[in-house]
Amino acid sequence: FVLVLSVGEAIWSPKLYELSTMAAPEGREGIYLAITMAPMYLASVPVGTLSGWALNRWCPKDDTRHGRFMWFVLGLIGFCSPVL
């Protein structure tokens, strides 16, 4: 699964930069690239917070771990995110 995601990212990422710069007026390419990457930048704060909370909740150091359930919940969030 991670291999498939990595290959997809390797194919898509350069095209995202290329399409962003092609759509930009001359001299404004940097602003268009910044706007293109803004969703990934803005998502880093809630993702970091959510991952820390999920690990503390479902995988505590000294108690029973529920890793499968944690990944199930995170998968549901990932599948629902395009709708949100």
C-alpha atoms as a PDB file:
ATOM      1  CA  PHE A   1       0.000   0.000   0.000  1.00  0.00           C
ATOM      2  CA  VAL A   2       2.752   2.434   0.929  1.00  0.00           C
ATOM      3  CA  LEU A   3       4.586   1.524  -2.272  1.00  0.00           C
ATOM      4  CA  VAL A   4       1.507   2.356  -4.354  1.00  0.00           C
ATOM      5  CA  LEU A   5       1.104   5.699  -2.570  1.00  0.00           C
ATOM      6  CA  SER A   6       4.791   6.494  -3.051  1.00  0.00           C
ATOM      7  CA  VAL A   7       4.677   5.744  -6.769  1.00  0.00           C
ATOM      8  CA  GLY A   8       1.502   7.809  -7.140  1.00  0.00           C
ATOM      9  CA  GLU A   9       3.094  10.725  -5.305  1.00  0.00           C
ATOM     10  CA  ALA A  10       6.220  10.472  -7.450  1.00  0.00           C
ATOM     11  CA  ILE A  11       4.099  10.656 -10.599  1.00  0.00           C
ATOM     12  CA  TRP A  12       1.622  13.318  -9.463  1.00  0.00           C
ATOM     13  CA  SER A  13       3.822  15.758  -7.563  1.00  0.00           C
ATOM     14  CA  PRO A  14       5.891  17.016 -10.520  1.00  0.00           C
ATOM     15  CA  LYS A  15       2.739  17.376 -12.597  1.00  0.00           C
ATOM     16  CA  LEU A  16       1.088  19.446  -9.878  1.00  0.00           C
ATOM     17  CA  TYR A  17       3.987  21.911  -9.953  1.00  0.00           C
ATOM     18  CA  GLU A  18       3.988  21.944 -13.749  1.00  0.00           C
ATOM     19  CA  LEU A  19       0.245  22.560 -14.066  1.00  0.00           C
ATOM     20  CA  SER A  20       0.353  25.282 -11.402  1.00  0.00           C
ATOM     21  CA  THR A  21       3.116  27.169 -13.167  1.00  0.00           C
ATOM     22  CA  MET A  22       1.478  26.739 -16.578  1.00  0.00           C
ATOM     23  CA  ALA A  23      -1.774  28.265 -15.296  1.00  0.00           C
ATOM     24  CA  ALA A  24       0.002  31.220 -13.685  1.00  0.00           C
ATOM     25  CA  PRO A  25       0.543  34.509 -15.465  1.00  0.00           C
ATOM     26  CA  GLU A  26       4.182  35.282 -16.172  1.00  0.00           C
ATOM     27  CA  GLY A  27       5.986  36.531 -13.083  1.00  0.00           C
ATOM     28  CA  ARG A  28       3.350  35.173 -10.651  1.00  0.00           C
ATOM     29  CA  GLU A  29       4.369  31.515 -10.666  1.00  0.00           C
ATOM     30  CA  GLY A  30       5.561  31.559  -7.053  1.00  0.00           C
ATOM     31  CA  ILE A  31       2.234  32.813  -5.758  1.00  0.00           C
ATOM     32  CA  TYR A  32       0.385  30.124  -7.690  1.00  0.00           C
ATOM     33  CA  LEU A  33       2.687  27.425  -6.301  1.00  0.00           C
ATOM     34  CA  ALA A  34       2.173  28.748  -2.770  1.00  0.00           C
ATOM     35  CA  ILE A  35      -1.602  28.648  -3.212  1.00  0.00           C
ATOM     36  CA  THR A  36      -1.353  25.127  -4.662  1.00  0.00           C
ATOM     37  CA  MET A  37       0.583  23.867  -1.624  1.00  0.00           C
ATOM     38  CA  ALA A  38      -1.510  25.774   0.966  1.00  0.00           C
ATOM     39  CA  PRO A  39      -3.924  22.868   1.667  1.00  0.00           C
ATOM     40  CA  MET A  40      -1.030  20.523   2.527  1.00  0.00           C
ATOM     41  CA  TYR A  41       0.553  23.159   4.746  1.00  0.00           C
ATOM     42  CA  LEU A  42      -2.713  23.958   6.517  1.00  0.00           C
ATOM     43  CA  ALA A  43      -3.495  20.262   7.028  1.00  0.00           C
ATOM     44  CA  SER A  44      -0.239  19.652   8.888  1.00  0.00           C
ATOM     45  CA  VAL A  45      -1.515  21.226  12.140  1.00  0.00           C
ATOM     46  CA  PRO A  46      -4.704  19.160  12.559  1.00  0.00           C
ATOM     47  CA  VAL A  47      -2.943  16.009  11.341  1.00  0.00           C
ATOM     48  CA  GLY A  48      -0.194  16.391  13.918  1.00  0.00           C
ATOM     49  CA  THR A  49      -2.699  17.031  16.676  1.00  0.00           C
ATOM     50  CA  LEU A  50      -4.927  14.136  15.599  1.00  0.00           C
ATOM     51  CA  SER A  51      -2.050  11.673  15.378  1.00  0.00           C
ATOM     52  CA  GLY A  52      -0.832  12.508  18.882  1.00  0.00           C
ATOM     53  CA  TRP A  53      -4.325  12.190  20.289  1.00  0.00           C
ATOM     54  CA  ALA A  54      -4.970   8.900  18.462  1.00  0.00           C
ATOM     55  CA  LEU A  55      -1.734   7.355  19.713  1.00  0.00           C
ATOM     56  CA  ASN A  56      -2.447   8.380  23.305  1.00  0.00           C
ATOM     57  CA  ARG A  57      -6.032   7.138  23.085  1.00  0.00           C
ATOM     58  CA  TRP A  58      -5.633   3.799  21.290  1.00  0.00           C
ATOM     59  CA  CYS A  59      -1.963   2.876  21.818  1.00  0.00           C
ATOM     60  CA  PRO A  60      -1.020   3.863  25.374  1.00  0.00           C
ATOM     61  CA  LYS A  61       2.400   2.823  26.640  1.00  0.00           C
ATOM     62  CA  ASP A  62       1.227   0.775  29.637  1.00  0.00           C
ATOM     63  CA  ASP A  63      -2.187  -0.538  28.570  1.00  0.00           C
ATOM     64  CA  THR A  64      -3.871  -2.683  25.926  1.00  0.00           C
ATOM     65  CA  ARG A  65      -3.310  -1.348  22.433  1.00  0.00           C
ATOM     66  CA  HIS A  66      -6.013  -1.138  19.781  1.00  0.00           C
ATOM     67  CA  GLY A  67      -3.964  -0.327  16.701  1.00  0.00           C
ATOM     68  CA  ARG A  68      -6.375  -1.843  14.200  1.00  0.00           C
ATOM     69  CA  PHE A  69      -9.249   0.251  15.491  1.00  0.00           C
ATOM     70  CA  MET A  70      -7.056   3.363  15.401  1.00  0.00           C
ATOM     71  CA  TRP A  71      -6.187   2.755  11.746  1.00  0.00           C
ATOM     72  CA  PHE A  72      -9.844   2.039  10.994  1.00  0.00           C
ATOM     73  CA  VAL A  73     -10.884   5.410  12.433  1.00  0.00           C
ATOM     74  CA  LEU A  74      -8.050   7.229  10.645  1.00  0.00           C
ATOM     75  CA  GLY A  75      -8.998   5.459   7.403  1.00  0.00           C
ATOM     76  CA  LEU A  76     -12.599   6.602   7.778  1.00  0.00           C
ATOM     77  CA  ILE A  77     -11.420  10.151   8.313  1.00  0.00           C
ATOM     78  CA  GLY A  78      -9.262   9.884   5.205  1.00  0.00           C
ATOM     79  CA  PHE A  79     -12.095   8.531   3.075  1.00  0.00           C
ATOM     80  CA  CYS A  80     -14.490  11.220   4.339  1.00  0.00           C
ATOM     81  CA  SER A  81     -12.066  14.111   3.860  1.00  0.00           C
ATOM     82  CA  PRO A  82     -12.888  14.808   0.172  1.00  0.00           C
ATOM     83  CA  VAL A  83     -16.513  15.317   1.180  1.00  0.00           C
ATOM     84  CA  LEU A  84     -15.571  17.740   3.944  1.00  0.00           C
END
